[in-house]
Protein backbone atom coordinates (compact mmCIF):
# COMPACT_ATOMS: atom_id res chain seq x y z
CA MET A 1 7.25 12.81 2.18
CA SER A 2 9.26 11.27 -0.66
CA MET A 3 11.27 9.19 1.81
CA SER A 4 8.05 7.73 3.20
CA LEU A 5 6.71 6.99 -0.26
CA ASN A 6 10.03 5.44 -1.27
CA ALA A 7 9.85 3.17 1.77
CA LEU A 8 6.37 1.99 0.76
CA ILE A 9 7.50 1.35 -2.83
CA SER A 10 10.58 -0.46 -1.58
CA GLU A 11 8.39 -2.71 0.56
CA VAL A 12 5.86 -3.52 -2.17
CA PHE A 13 8.42 -4.24 -4.89
CA ASP A 14 11.12 -5.70 -2.60
CA LYS A 15 13.71 -3.21 -3.87
CA ASP A 16 16.52 -1.42 -2.06
CA LEU A 17 15.88 2.28 -1.55
CA GLU A 18 19.02 3.19 -3.50
CA ASP A 19 17.66 1.28 -6.52
CA LEU A 20 14.60 3.51 -6.79
CA ASP A 21 14.62 6.28 -9.36
CA GLY A 22 11.84 8.65 -10.41
CA ASN A 23 12.18 7.54 -14.03
CA LEU A 24 11.28 3.93 -13.26
CA SER A 25 8.00 2.80 -14.76
CA LEU A 26 5.62 1.06 -12.38
CA TYR A 27 4.49 -1.32 -15.10
CA GLU A 28 7.55 -1.83 -17.29
CA ASP A 29 10.54 -1.48 -14.95
CA LEU A 30 8.94 -2.66 -11.71
CA ALA A 31 6.47 -5.02 -13.43
CA MET A 32 3.63 -4.00 -11.11
CA ASN A 33 0.87 -6.60 -11.06
CA ALA A 34 -2.70 -6.29 -9.77
CA HIS A 35 -1.76 -7.54 -6.29
CA GLN A 36 1.10 -5.05 -5.96
CA GLN A 37 -1.11 -2.26 -7.29
CA GLN A 38 -3.70 -3.01 -4.61
CA GLU A 39 -1.04 -3.31 -1.90
CA LEU A 40 0.63 -0.04 -2.87
CA GLY A 41 -2.70 1.75 -3.06
CA ASP A 42 -3.68 0.41 0.36
CA LEU A 43 -0.35 1.41 1.93
CA ILE A 44 -0.55 4.92 0.46
CA GLU A 45 -4.11 5.27 1.74
CA GLU A 46 -3.09 4.03 5.20
CA TYR A 47 0.10 6.08 5.51
CA PHE A 48 -1.24 9.29 3.98
CA ASP A 49 -4.51 9.47 5.95
CA GLY A 50 -6.99 8.12 3.43
CA LEU A 51 -5.32 9.46 0.29
CA SER A 52 -6.63 7.52 -2.69
CA ILE A 53 -4.46 7.43 -5.82
CA ASP A 54 -5.57 6.03 -9.18
CA LEU A 55 -2.47 4.00 -9.95
CA THR A 56 -3.82 3.02 -13.37
CA ALA A 57 -3.33 6.65 -14.47
CA ILE A 58 0.29 6.79 -13.29
CA ASN A 59 3.27 5.44 -15.19
CA THR A 60 6.49 6.51 -13.43
CA LEU A 61 7.56 6.83 -9.83
CA GLN A 62 8.02 10.57 -10.39
CA GLU A 63 4.38 10.86 -11.51
CA LEU A 64 3.37 8.99 -8.36
CA PHE A 65 5.45 11.29 -6.14
CA ASP A 66 4.02 14.37 -7.87
CA SER A 67 0.45 13.10 -7.47
CA VAL A 68 0.87 12.31 -3.78
CA VAL A 69 2.48 15.69 -3.03
CA GLU A 70 -0.13 17.57 -5.05
CA MET A 71 -3.03 15.79 -3.37
CA GLU A 72 -1.54 16.13 0.12
CA PHE A 73 -1.05 19.89 -0.25
CA GLU A 74 -4.43 20.30 -1.91
CA GLU A 75 -6.11 18.82 1.16
CA MET A 76 -4.23 20.97 3.68
CA PRO A 77 -6.49 23.27 5.72
CA GLY A 78 -6.39 26.84 4.52
CA ASN A 79 -5.00 25.94 1.12
CA ASP A 80 -7.30 27.55 -1.43
CA LEU A 81 -5.75 27.14 -4.85
CA GLU A 82 -8.63 28.92 -6.57
């Protein structure tokens, strides 16, 4: 899952995969603008079957990875976390 997400991030920010690190900030290090935010959100939604992430609430790549993983597992059939 992280490899797929890394590929999407690499595409949006035109970065090599080996340059991506979980500590990178979307806004400070990668200088994410509104267009890139929309593009990344759209790609995540497309690739992860309608998953919608509020990128304004996420700062680092690690936070993004954690959010995607958490939401993907939360939506798995038979997964009752309560």
